[in-house]
Amino acid sequence: MANRQSAARLKESPISYVSELERKGDTSSLTTENSELKLRLQAMEQQAELHDALNEALKKEIERLKFATGEIMAPTDSYNLGMHHIPYNHSPMLSPKPYRRPVHGLEDV
């Protein structure tokens, strides 16, 4: 009986040894994959930071252009109360006549 148990252990040893080697091999490939995924994640995080910075710069440029075109007021222009948005239509009927110096002896018609 002891011989049978000993033989069974010897038979199990190579099988468990091979299983252990396979498991370690899987662990090694998983470690490599994990490292690769960490690098990809780091690259994606850097790319997201660059996109955020570019987005912020573009927002500032849009605000600058809106200010330059008069679409928005600067804080110092708040006294205008937005009046620069109302278009000015010059009507010749409402404009005053230009001043003419009276000529002696002639009446202004």
PDB file of N, CA and C in Angstrom:
ATOM      1  N   MET A   1       0.820  -1.177   0.000  1.00  0.00           N
ATOM      2  CA  MET A   1       0.000   0.000   0.000  1.00  0.00           C
ATOM      3  C   MET A   1       0.870   1.248   0.000  1.00  0.00           C
ATOM      4  N   ALA A   2       1.896   1.326   0.755  1.00  0.00           N
ATOM      5  CA  ALA A   2       2.793   2.460   0.798  1.00  0.00           C
ATOM      6  C   ALA A   2       3.458   2.657  -0.544  1.00  0.00           C
ATOM      7  N   ASN A   3       3.728   1.549  -1.218  1.00  0.00           N
ATOM      8  CA  ASN A   3       4.335   1.648  -2.544  1.00  0.00           C
ATOM      9  C   ASN A   3       3.386   2.324  -3.535  1.00  0.00           C
ATOM     10  N   ARG A   4       2.118   1.984  -3.409  1.00  0.00           N
ATOM     11  CA  ARG A   4       1.136   2.584  -4.322  1.00  0.00           C
ATOM     12  C   ARG A   4       1.019   4.090  -4.078  1.00  0.00           C
ATOM     13  N   GLN A   5       1.008   4.489  -2.802  1.00  0.00           N
ATOM     14  CA  GLN A   5       0.914   5.922  -2.485  1.00  0.00           C
ATOM     15  C   GLN A   5       2.156   6.652  -2.963  1.00  0.00           C
ATOM     16  N   SER A   6       3.304   6.058  -2.788  1.00  0.00           N
ATOM     17  CA  SER A   6       4.544   6.664  -3.238  1.00  0.00           C
ATOM     18  C   SER A   6       4.545   6.800  -4.750  1.00  0.00           C
ATOM     19  N   ALA A   7       4.082   5.769  -5.428  1.00  0.00           N
ATOM     20  CA  ALA A   7       4.023   5.803  -6.897  1.00  0.00           C
ATOM     21  C   ALA A   7       3.042   6.889  -7.356  1.00  0.00           C
ATOM     22  N   ALA A   8       1.926   7.021  -6.650  1.00  0.00           N
ATOM     23  CA  ALA A   8       0.934   8.039  -7.008  1.00  0.00           C
ATOM     24  C   ALA A   8       1.516   9.438  -6.837  1.00  0.00           C
ATOM     25  N   ARG A   9       2.295   9.661  -5.738  1.00  0.00           N
ATOM     26  CA  ARG A   9       2.933  10.965  -5.520  1.00  0.00           C
ATOM     27  C   ARG A   9       3.955  11.263  -6.607  1.00  0.00           C
ATOM     28  N   LEU A  10       4.726  10.281  -7.005  1.00  0.00           N
ATOM     29  CA  LEU A  10       5.720  10.484  -8.063  1.00  0.00           C
ATOM     30  C   LEU A  10       5.030  10.817  -9.383  1.00  0.00           C
ATOM     31  N   LYS A  11       3.887  10.149  -9.577  1.00  0.00           N
ATOM     32  CA  LYS A  11       3.146  10.407 -10.803  1.00  0.00           C
ATOM     33  C   LYS A  11       2.562  11.823 -10.777  1.00  0.00           C
ATOM     34  N   GLU A  12       2.098  12.299  -9.620  1.00  0.00           N
ATOM     35  CA  GLU A  12       1.524  13.625  -9.492  1.00  0.00           C
ATOM     36  C   GLU A  12       2.591  14.712  -9.575  1.00  0.00           C
ATOM     37  N   SER A  13       3.780  14.453  -9.114  1.00  0.00           N
ATOM     38  CA  SER A  13       4.831  15.466  -9.093  1.00  0.00           C
ATOM     39  C   SER A  13       5.111  16.043 -10.473  1.00  0.00           C
ATOM     40  N   PRO A  14       5.366  15.225 -11.492  1.00  0.00           N
ATOM     41  CA  PRO A  14       5.623  15.827 -12.812  1.00  0.00           C
ATOM     42  C   PRO A  14       4.413  16.590 -13.347  1.00  0.00           C
ATOM     43  N   ILE A  15       3.231  16.100 -13.067  1.00  0.00           N
ATOM     44  CA  ILE A  15       2.019  16.776 -13.552  1.00  0.00           C
ATOM     45  C   ILE A  15       1.875  18.124 -12.851  1.00  0.00           C
ATOM     46  N   SER A  16       2.058  18.150 -11.546  1.00  0.00           N
ATOM     47  CA  SER A  16       1.933  19.419 -10.832  1.00  0.00           C
ATOM     48  C   SER A  16       3.073  20.364 -11.198  1.00  0.00           C
ATOM     49  N   TYR A  17       4.254  19.783 -11.480  1.00  0.00           N
ATOM     50  CA  TYR A  17       5.387  20.610 -11.891  1.00  0.00           C
ATOM     51  C   TYR A  17       5.078  21.295 -13.230  1.00  0.00           C
ATOM     52  N   VAL A  18       4.546  20.527 -14.142  1.00  0.00           N
ATOM     53  CA  VAL A  18       4.183  21.085 -15.446  1.00  0.00           C
ATOM     54  C   VAL A  18       3.075  22.121 -15.279  1.00  0.00           C
ATOM     55  N   SER A  19       2.100  21.829 -14.431  1.00  0.00           N
ATOM     56  CA  SER A  19       1.014  22.786 -14.180  1.00  0.00           C
ATOM     57  C   SER A  19       1.560  24.082 -13.591  1.00  0.00           C
ATOM     58  N   GLU A  20       2.516  23.941 -12.680  1.00  0.00           N
ATOM     59  CA  GLU A  20       3.137  25.121 -12.068  1.00  0.00           C
ATOM     60  C   GLU A  20       3.869  25.944 -13.123  1.00  0.00           C
ATOM     61  N   LEU A  21       4.605  25.272 -14.009  1.00  0.00           N
ATOM     62  CA  LEU A  21       5.311  25.986 -15.081  1.00  0.00           C
ATOM     63  C   LEU A  21       4.323  26.698 -16.009  1.00  0.00           C
ATOM     64  N   GLU A  22       3.224  26.051 -16.333  1.00  0.00           N
ATOM     65  CA  GLU A  22       2.216  26.670 -17.191  1.00  0.00           C
ATOM     66  C   GLU A  22       1.599  27.888 -16.505  1.00  0.00           C
ATOM     67  N   ARG A  23       1.327  27.743 -15.208  1.00  0.00           N
ATOM     68  CA  ARG A  23       0.745  28.851 -14.462  1.00  0.00           C
ATOM     69  C   ARG A  23       1.709  30.032 -14.416  1.00  0.00           C
ATOM     70  N   LYS A  24       2.993  29.744 -14.178  1.00  0.00           N
ATOM     71  CA  LYS A  24       3.993  30.813 -14.156  1.00  0.00           C
ATOM     72  C   LYS A  24       4.128  31.446 -15.535  1.00  0.00           C
ATOM     73  N   GLY A  25       4.028  30.663 -16.572  1.00  0.00           N
ATOM     74  CA  GLY A  25       4.075  31.194 -17.931  1.00  0.00           C
ATOM     75  C   GLY A  25       2.905  32.113 -18.188  1.00  0.00           C
ATOM     76  N   ASP A  26       1.717  31.735 -17.727  1.00  0.00           N
ATOM     77  CA  ASP A  26       0.535  32.587 -17.878  1.00  0.00           C
ATOM     78  C   ASP A  26       0.713  33.878 -17.090  1.00  0.00           C
ATOM     79  N   THR A  27       1.274  33.778 -15.913  1.00  0.00           N
ATOM     80  CA  THR A  27       1.507  34.949 -15.086  1.00  0.00           C
ATOM     81  C   THR A  27       2.466  35.902 -15.782  1.00  0.00           C
ATOM     82  N   SER A  28       3.487  35.346 -16.405  1.00  0.00           N
ATOM     83  CA  SER A  28       4.464  36.172 -17.112  1.00  0.00           C
ATOM     84  C   SER A  28       3.806  36.915 -18.273  1.00  0.00           C
ATOM     85  N   SER A  29       2.974  36.217 -19.035  1.00  0.00           N
ATOM     86  CA  SER A  29       2.308  36.882 -20.153  1.00  0.00           C
ATOM     87  C   SER A  29       1.302  37.906 -19.643  1.00  0.00           C
ATOM     88  N   LEU A  30       0.645  37.612 -18.510  1.00  0.00           N
ATOM     89  CA  LEU A  30      -0.292  38.578 -17.940  1.00  0.00           C
ATOM     90  C   LEU A  30       0.437  39.809 -17.419  1.00  0.00           C
ATOM     91  N   THR A  31       1.614  39.598 -16.843  1.00  0.00           N
ATOM     92  CA  THR A  31       2.417  40.722 -16.360  1.00  0.00           C
ATOM     93  C   THR A  31       2.836  41.608 -17.528  1.00  0.00           C
ATOM     94  N   THR A  32       3.233  40.979 -18.618  1.00  0.00           N
ATOM     95  CA  THR A  32       3.619  41.740 -19.810  1.00  0.00           C
ATOM     96  C   THR A  32       2.428  42.518 -20.360  1.00  0.00           C
ATOM     97  N   GLU A  33       1.276  41.861 -20.443  1.00  0.00           N
ATOM     98  CA  GLU A  33       0.070  42.532 -20.940  1.00  0.00           C
ATOM     99  C   GLU A  33      -0.328  43.682 -20.019  1.00  0.00           C
ATOM    100  N   ASN A  34      -0.216  43.464 -18.715  1.00  0.00           N
ATOM    101  CA  ASN A  34      -0.542  44.505 -17.745  1.00  0.00           C
ATOM    102  C   ASN A  34       0.367  45.722 -17.944  1.00  0.00           C
ATOM    103  N   SER A  35       1.654  45.493 -18.142  1.00  0.00           N
ATOM    104  CA  SER A  35       2.596  46.597 -18.365  1.00  0.00           C
ATOM    105  C   SER A  35       2.246  47.364 -19.640  1.00  0.00           C
ATOM    106  N   GLU A  36       1.903  46.617 -20.686  1.00  0.00           N
ATOM    107  CA  GLU A  36       1.523  47.267 -21.948  1.00  0.00           C
ATOM    108  C   GLU A  36       0.256  48.103 -21.773  1.00  0.00           C
ATOM    109  N   LEU A  37      -0.708  47.571 -21.037  1.00  0.00           N
ATOM    110  CA  LEU A  37      -1.952  48.303 -20.817  1.00  0.00           C
ATOM    111  C   LEU A  37      -1.715  49.556 -19.980  1.00  0.00           C
ATOM    112  N   LYS A  38      -0.810  49.469 -18.997  1.00  0.00           N
ATOM    113  CA  LYS A  38      -0.476  50.643 -18.195  1.00  0.00           C
ATOM    114  C   LYS A  38       0.145  51.734 -19.064  1.00  0.00           C
ATOM    115  N   LEU A  39       1.014  51.351 -19.992  1.00  0.00           N
ATOM    116  CA  LEU A  39       1.626  52.333 -20.898  1.00  0.00           C
ATOM    117  C   LEU A  39       0.574  52.970 -21.800  1.00  0.00           C
ATOM    118  N   ARG A  40      -0.344  52.156 -22.310  1.00  0.00           N
ATOM    119  CA  ARG A  40      -1.412  52.698 -23.160  1.00  0.00           C
ATOM    120  C   ARG A  40      -2.296  53.663 -22.380  1.00  0.00           C
ATOM    121  N   LEU A  41      -2.606  53.303 -21.127  1.00  0.00           N
ATOM    122  CA  LEU A  41      -3.421  54.179 -20.285  1.00  0.00           C
ATOM    123  C   LEU A  41      -2.711  55.499 -20.036  1.00  0.00           C
ATOM    124  N   GLN A  42      -1.426  55.440 -19.757  1.00  0.00           N
ATOM    125  CA  GLN A  42      -0.647  56.659 -19.522  1.00  0.00           C
ATOM    126  C   GLN A  42      -0.645  57.542 -20.768  1.00  0.00           C
ATOM    127  N   ALA A  43      -0.478  56.927 -21.940  1.00  0.00           N
ATOM    128  CA  ALA A  43      -0.497  57.702 -23.190  1.00  0.00           C
ATOM    129  C   ALA A  43      -1.864  58.345 -23.414  1.00  0.00           C
ATOM    130  N   MET A  44      -2.935  57.610 -23.101  1.00  0.00           N
ATOM    131  CA  MET A  44      -4.288  58.155 -23.270  1.00  0.00           C
ATOM    132  C   MET A  44      -4.548  59.295 -22.295  1.00  0.00           C
ATOM    133  N   GLU A  45      -4.038  59.183 -21.071  1.00  0.00           N
ATOM    134  CA  GLU A  45      -4.204  60.265 -20.103  1.00  0.00           C
ATOM    135  C   GLU A  45      -3.471  61.518 -20.555  1.00  0.00           C
ATOM    136  N   GLN A  46      -2.269  61.352 -21.110  1.00  0.00           N
ATOM    137  CA  GLN A  46      -1.518  62.504 -21.624  1.00  0.00           C
ATOM    138  C   GLN A  46      -2.257  63.127 -22.797  1.00  0.00           C
ATOM    139  N   GLN A  47      -2.815  62.280 -23.663  1.00  0.00           N
ATOM    140  CA  GLN A  47      -3.571  62.793 -24.808  1.00  0.00           C
ATOM    141  C   GLN A  47      -4.805  63.561 -24.332  1.00  0.00           C
ATOM    142  N   ALA A  48      -5.476  63.054 -23.303  1.00  0.00           N
ATOM    143  CA  ALA A  48      -6.655  63.748 -22.757  1.00  0.00           C
ATOM    144  C   ALA A  48      -6.249  65.106 -22.181  1.00  0.00           C
ATOM    145  N   GLU A  49      -5.094  65.177 -21.503  1.00  0.00           N
ATOM    146  CA  GLU A  49      -4.617  66.449 -20.961  1.00  0.00           C
ATOM    147  C   GLU A  49      -4.324  67.440 -22.084  1.00  0.00           C
ATOM    148  N   LEU A  50      -3.728  66.953 -23.174  1.00  0.00           N
ATOM    149  CA  LEU A  50      -3.460  67.831 -24.316  1.00  0.00           C
ATOM    150  C   LEU A  50      -4.757  68.322 -24.943  1.00  0.00           C
ATOM    151  N   HIS A  51      -5.750  67.433 -25.060  1.00  0.00           N
ATOM    152  CA  HIS A  51      -7.041  67.843 -25.612  1.00  0.00           C
ATOM    153  C   HIS A  51      -7.704  68.889 -24.717  1.00  0.00           C
ATOM    154  N   ASP A  52      -7.617  68.698 -23.395  1.00  0.00           N
ATOM    155  CA  ASP A  52      -8.192  69.674 -22.470  1.00  0.00           C
ATOM    156  C   ASP A  52      -7.518  71.035 -22.606  1.00  0.00           C
ATOM    157  N   ALA A  53      -6.184  71.025 -22.721  1.00  0.00           N
ATOM    158  CA  ALA A  53      -5.445  72.285 -22.863  1.00  0.00           C
ATOM    159  C   ALA A  53      -5.815  72.974 -24.178  1.00  0.00           C
ATOM    160  N   LEU A  54      -5.914  72.200 -25.254  1.00  0.00           N
ATOM    161  CA  LEU A  54      -6.290  72.767 -26.548  1.00  0.00           C
ATOM    162  C   LEU A  54      -7.713  73.321 -26.496  1.00  0.00           C
ATOM    163  N   ASN A  55      -8.611  72.594 -25.859  1.00  0.00           N
ATOM    164  CA  ASN A  55      -9.991  73.044 -25.727  1.00  0.00           C
ATOM    165  C   ASN A  55     -10.060  74.366 -24.968  1.00  0.00           C
ATOM    166  N   GLU A  56      -9.301  74.473 -23.895  1.00  0.00           N
ATOM    167  CA  GLU A  56      -9.276  75.710 -23.100  1.00  0.00           C
ATOM    168  C   GLU A  56      -8.727  76.875 -23.927  1.00  0.00           C
ATOM    169  N   ALA A  57      -7.659  76.605 -24.688  1.00  0.00           N
ATOM    170  CA  ALA A  57      -7.079  77.654 -25.529  1.00  0.00           C
ATOM    171  C   ALA A  57      -8.070  78.110 -26.595  1.00  0.00           C
ATOM    172  N   LEU A  58      -8.808  77.169 -27.176  1.00  0.00           N
ATOM    173  CA  LEU A  58      -9.794  77.525 -28.191  1.00  0.00           C
ATOM    174  C   LEU A  58     -10.947  78.328 -27.591  1.00  0.00           C
ATOM    175  N   LYS A  59     -11.371  77.984 -26.371  1.00  0.00           N
ATOM    176  CA  LYS A  59     -12.426  78.756 -25.707  1.00  0.00           C
ATOM    177  C   LYS A  59     -11.972  80.194 -25.478  1.00  0.00           C
ATOM    178  N   LYS A  60     -10.727  80.366 -25.046  1.00  0.00           N
ATOM    179  CA  LYS A  60     -10.200  81.715 -24.828  1.00  0.00           C
ATOM    180  C   LYS A  60     -10.126  82.490 -26.133  1.00  0.00           C
ATOM    181  N   GLU A  61      -9.745  81.808 -27.207  1.00  0.00           N
ATOM    182  CA  GLU A  61      -9.672  82.469 -28.513  1.00  0.00           C
ATOM    183  C   GLU A  61     -11.065  82.885 -28.978  1.00  0.00           C
ATOM    184  N   ILE A  62     -12.059  82.054 -28.746  1.00  0.00           N
ATOM    185  CA  ILE A  62     -13.441  82.398 -29.112  1.00  0.00           C
ATOM    186  C   ILE A  62     -13.891  83.634 -28.338  1.00  0.00           C
ATOM    187  N   GLU A  63     -13.597  83.685 -27.035  1.00  0.00           N
ATOM    188  CA  GLU A  63     -13.960  84.852 -26.237  1.00  0.00           C
ATOM    189  C   GLU A  63     -13.251  86.103 -26.745  1.00  0.00           C
ATOM    190  N   ARG A  64     -11.979  85.961 -27.093  1.00  0.00           N
ATOM    191  CA  ARG A  64     -11.227  87.105 -27.599  1.00  0.00           C
ATOM    192  C   ARG A  64     -11.839  87.609 -28.904  1.00  0.00           C
ATOM    193  N   LEU A  65     -12.207  86.680 -29.793  1.00  0.00           N
ATOM    194  CA  LEU A  65     -12.797  87.076 -31.069  1.00  0.00           C
ATOM    195  C   LEU A  65     -14.188  87.687 -30.884  1.00  0.00           C
ATOM    196  N   LYS A  66     -14.958  87.155 -29.950  1.00  0.00           N
ATOM    197  CA  LYS A  66     -16.274  87.745 -29.678  1.00  0.00           C
ATOM    198  C   LYS A  66     -16.113  89.164 -29.173  1.00  0.00           C
ATOM    199  N   PHE A  67     -15.144  89.384 -28.310  1.00  0.00           N
ATOM    200  CA  PHE A  67     -14.899  90.733 -27.799  1.00  0.00           C
ATOM    201  C   PHE A  67     -14.447  91.646 -28.931  1.00  0.00           C
ATOM    202  N   ALA A  68     -13.546  91.132 -29.787  1.00  0.00           N
ATOM    203  CA  ALA A  68     -13.026  91.947 -30.885  1.00  0.00           C
ATOM    204  C   ALA A  68     -14.117  92.324 -31.884  1.00  0.00           C
ATOM    205  N   THR A  69     -15.105  91.453 -32.060  1.00  0.00           N
ATOM    206  CA  THR A  69     -16.182  91.754 -33.005  1.00  0.00           C
ATOM    207  C   THR A  69     -17.362  92.445 -32.349  1.00  0.00           C
ATOM    208  N   GLY A  70     -17.275  92.689 -31.051  1.00  0.00           N
ATOM    209  CA  GLY A  70     -18.336  93.404 -30.355  1.00  0.00           C
ATOM    210  C   GLY A  70     -19.502  92.539 -29.944  1.00  0.00           C
ATOM    211  N   GLU A  71     -19.362  91.224 -30.026  1.00  0.00           N
ATOM    212  CA  GLU A  71     -20.456  90.351 -29.607  1.00  0.00           C
ATOM    213  C   GLU A  71     -20.612  90.332 -28.092  1.00  0.00           C
ATOM    214  N   ILE A  72     -19.531  90.584 -27.362  1.00  0.00           N
ATOM    215  CA  ILE A  72     -19.611  90.645 -25.907  1.00  0.00           C
ATOM    216  C   ILE A  72     -18.915  91.905 -25.435  1.00  0.00           C
ATOM    217  N   MET A  73     -19.280  92.357 -24.243  1.00  0.00           N
ATOM    218  CA  MET A  73     -18.685  93.564 -23.671  1.00  0.00           C
ATOM    219  C   MET A  73     -17.538  93.190 -22.759  1.00  0.00           C
ATOM    220  N   ALA A  74     -16.583  94.066 -22.704  1.00  0.00           N
ATOM    221  CA  ALA A  74     -15.532  93.938 -21.707  1.00  0.00           C
ATOM    222  C   ALA A  74     -16.112  94.442 -20.395  1.00  0.00           C
ATOM    223  N   PRO A  75     -15.584  93.987 -19.266  1.00  0.00           N
ATOM    224  CA  PRO A  75     -16.100  94.474 -17.985  1.00  0.00           C
ATOM    225  C   PRO A  75     -16.057  95.995 -17.860  1.00  0.00           C
ATOM    226  N   THR A  76     -15.097  96.668 -18.495  1.00  0.00           N
ATOM    227  CA  THR A  76     -15.000  98.126 -18.412  1.00  0.00           C
ATOM    228  C   THR A  76     -16.055  98.808 -19.262  1.00  0.00           C
ATOM    229  N   ASP A  77     -16.682  98.075 -20.183  1.00  0.00           N
ATOM    230  CA  ASP A  77     -17.718  98.650 -21.039  1.00  0.00           C
ATOM    231  C   ASP A  77     -19.115  98.482 -20.450  1.00  0.00           C
ATOM    232  N   SER A  78     -19.211  98.052 -19.203  1.00  0.00           N
ATOM    233  CA  SER A  78     -20.526  97.772 -18.636  1.00  0.00           C
ATOM    234  C   SER A  78     -21.385  99.026 -18.532  1.00  0.00           C
ATOM    235  N   TYR A  79     -20.776 100.201 -18.507  1.00  0.00           N
ATOM    236  CA  TYR A  79     -21.569 101.434 -18.443  1.00  0.00           C
ATOM    237  C   TYR A  79     -22.355 101.656 -19.716  1.00  0.00           C
ATOM    238  N   ASN A  80     -21.972 101.014 -20.814  1.00  0.00           N
ATOM    239  CA  ASN A  80     -22.715 101.142 -22.069  1.00  0.00           C
ATOM    240  C   ASN A  80     -24.050 100.410 -22.016  1.00  0.00           C
ATOM    241  N   LEU A  81     -24.166  99.480 -21.091  1.00  0.00           N
ATOM    242  CA  LEU A  81     -25.379  98.691 -20.914  1.00  0.00           C
ATOM    243  C   LEU A  81     -25.817  98.013 -22.203  1.00  0.00           C
ATOM    244  N   GLY A  82     -24.873  97.602 -22.975  1.00  0.00           N
ATOM    245  CA  GLY A  82     -25.188  96.852 -24.184  1.00  0.00           C
ATOM    246  C   GLY A  82     -25.672  97.699 -25.338  1.00  0.00           C
ATOM    247  N   MET A  83     -25.554  98.998 -25.262  1.00  0.00           N
ATOM    248  CA  MET A  83     -26.079  99.874 -26.312  1.00  0.00           C
ATOM    249  C   MET A  83     -25.324  99.708 -27.627  1.00  0.00           C
ATOM    250  N   HIS A  84     -24.118  99.167 -27.572  1.00  0.00           N
ATOM    251  CA  HIS A  84     -23.377  99.018 -28.819  1.00  0.00           C
ATOM    252  C   HIS A  84     -23.960  97.909 -29.691  1.00  0.00           C
ATOM    253  N   HIS A  85     -24.933  97.140 -29.178  1.00  0.00           N
ATOM    254  CA  HIS A  85     -25.570  96.108 -29.981  1.00  0.00           C
ATOM    255  C   HIS A  85     -26.707  96.668 -30.832  1.00  0.00           C
ATOM    256  N   ILE A  86     -27.192  97.873 -30.510  1.00  0.00           N
ATOM    257  CA  ILE A  86     -28.301  98.465 -31.246  1.00  0.00           C
ATOM    258  C   ILE A  86     -27.731  99.162 -32.486  1.00  0.00           C
ATOM    259  N   PRO A  87     -28.190  98.755 -33.669  1.00  0.00           N
ATOM    260  CA  PRO A  87     -27.644  99.381 -34.881  1.00  0.00           C
ATOM    261  C   PRO A  87     -28.090 100.836 -34.988  1.00  0.00           C
ATOM    262  N   TYR A  88     -27.234 101.654 -35.522  1.00  0.00           N
ATOM    263  CA  TYR A  88     -27.522 103.069 -35.697  1.00  0.00           C
ATOM    264  C   TYR A  88     -27.839 103.307 -37.161  1.00  0.00           C
ATOM    265  N   ASN A  89     -29.056 103.759 -37.433  1.00  0.00           N
ATOM    266  CA  ASN A  89     -29.465 104.088 -38.793  1.00  0.00           C
ATOM    267  C   ASN A  89     -29.526 105.598 -38.908  1.00  0.00           C
ATOM    268  N   HIS A  90     -28.660 106.145 -39.708  1.00  0.00           N
ATOM    269  CA  HIS A  90     -28.610 107.593 -39.893  1.00  0.00           C
ATOM    270  C   HIS A  90     -29.682 107.986 -40.902  1.00  0.00           C
ATOM    271  N   SER A  91     -30.597 108.832 -40.486  1.00  0.00           N
ATOM    272  CA  SER A  91     -31.669 109.288 -41.362  1.00  0.00           C
ATOM    273  C   SER A  91     -31.395 110.736 -41.763  1.00  0.00           C
ATOM    274  N   PRO A  92     -31.359 111.033 -43.066  1.00  0.00           N
ATOM    275  CA  PRO A  92     -31.104 112.414 -43.484  1.00  0.00           C
ATOM    276  C   PRO A  92     -32.222 113.371 -43.069  1.00  0.00           C
ATOM    277  N   MET A  93     -33.449 112.879 -42.849  1.00  0.00           N
ATOM    278  CA  MET A  93     -34.550 113.750 -42.464  1.00  0.00           C
ATOM    279  C   MET A  93     -34.392 114.250 -41.029  1.00  0.00           C
ATOM    280  N   LEU A  94     -33.718 113.478 -40.202  1.00  0.00           N
ATOM    281  CA  LEU A  94     -33.583 113.863 -38.813  1.00  0.00           C
ATOM    282  C   LEU A  94     -32.291 114.622 -38.542  1.00  0.00           C
ATOM    283  N   SER A  95     -31.400 114.648 -39.502  1.00  0.00           N
ATOM    284  CA  SER A  95     -30.122 115.310 -39.248  1.00  0.00           C
ATOM    285  C   SER A  95     -30.278 116.821 -39.364  1.00  0.00           C
ATOM    286  N   PRO A  96     -29.575 117.560 -38.516  1.00  0.00           N
ATOM    287  CA  PRO A  96     -29.678 119.031 -38.577  1.00  0.00           C
ATOM    288  C   PRO A  96     -29.025 119.555 -39.851  1.00  0.00           C
ATOM    289  N   LYS A  97     -29.552 120.708 -40.300  1.00  0.00           N
ATOM    290  CA  LYS A  97     -28.971 121.327 -41.491  1.00  0.00           C
ATOM    291  C   LYS A  97     -27.614 121.905 -41.119  1.00  0.00           C
ATOM    292  N   PRO A  98     -26.689 121.830 -42.028  1.00  0.00           N
ATOM    293  CA  PRO A  98     -25.379 122.415 -41.718  1.00  0.00           C
ATOM    294  C   PRO A  98     -25.502 123.938 -41.594  1.00  0.00           C
ATOM    295  N   TYR A  99     -24.695 124.514 -40.743  1.00  0.00           N
ATOM    296  CA  TYR A  99     -24.721 125.951 -40.502  1.00  0.00           C
ATOM    297  C   TYR A  99     -24.134 126.666 -41.706  1.00  0.00           C
ATOM    298  N   ARG A 100     -24.887 127.654 -42.191  1.00  0.00           N
ATOM    299  CA  ARG A 100     -24.372 128.494 -43.278  1.00  0.00           C
ATOM    300  C   ARG A 100     -24.324 129.924 -42.792  1.00  0.00           C
ATOM    301  N   ARG A 101     -23.259 130.527 -43.064  1.00  0.00           N
ATOM    302  CA  ARG A 101     -23.109 131.933 -42.682  1.00  0.00           C
ATOM    303  C   ARG A 101     -24.014 132.767 -43.594  1.00  0.00           C
ATOM    304  N   PRO A 102     -24.836 133.614 -42.969  1.00  0.00           N
ATOM    305  CA  PRO A 102     -25.716 134.439 -43.821  1.00  0.00           C
ATOM    306  C   PRO A 102     -24.921 135.420 -44.691  1.00  0.00           C
ATOM    307  N   VAL A 103     -25.335 135.497 -45.910  1.00  0.00           N
ATOM    308  CA  VAL A 103     -24.686 136.449 -46.824  1.00  0.00           C
ATOM    309  C   VAL A 103     -25.515 137.721 -46.776  1.00  0.00           C
ATOM    310  N   HIS A 104     -24.821 138.856 -46.672  1.00  0.00           N
ATOM    311  CA  HIS A 104     -25.493 140.153 -46.538  1.00  0.00           C
ATOM    312  C   HIS A 104     -26.316 140.447 -47.772  1.00  0.00           C
ATOM    313  N   GLY A 105     -27.600 140.662 -47.553  1.00  0.00           N
ATOM    314  CA  GLY A 105     -28.484 141.031 -48.636  1.00  0.00           C
ATOM    315  C   GLY A 105     -29.223 139.861 -49.216  1.00  0.00           C
ATOM    316  N   LEU A 106     -28.856 138.635 -48.920  1.00  0.00           N
ATOM    317  CA  LEU A 106     -29.565 137.467 -49.452  1.00  0.00           C
ATOM    318  C   LEU A 106     -30.267 136.775 -48.308  1.00  0.00           C
ATOM    319  N   GLU A 107     -31.449 136.297 -48.584  1.00  0.00           N
ATOM    320  CA  GLU A 107     -32.177 135.549 -47.569  1.00  0.00           C
ATOM    321  C   GLU A 107     -31.967 134.079 -47.793  1.00  0.00           C
ATOM    322  N   ASP A 108     -32.011 133.353 -46.674  1.00  0.00           N
ATOM    323  CA  ASP A 108     -31.861 131.898 -46.745  1.00  0.00           C
ATOM    324  C   ASP A 108     -33.167 131.300 -47.186  1.00  0.00           C
ATOM    325  N   VAL A 109     -33.158 130.519 -48.195  1.00  0.00           N
ATOM    326  CA  VAL A 109     -34.387 129.927 -48.722  1.00  0.00           C
ATOM    327  C   VAL A 109     -34.629 128.612 -48.089  1.00  0.00           C
TER     328      VAL A 109
END
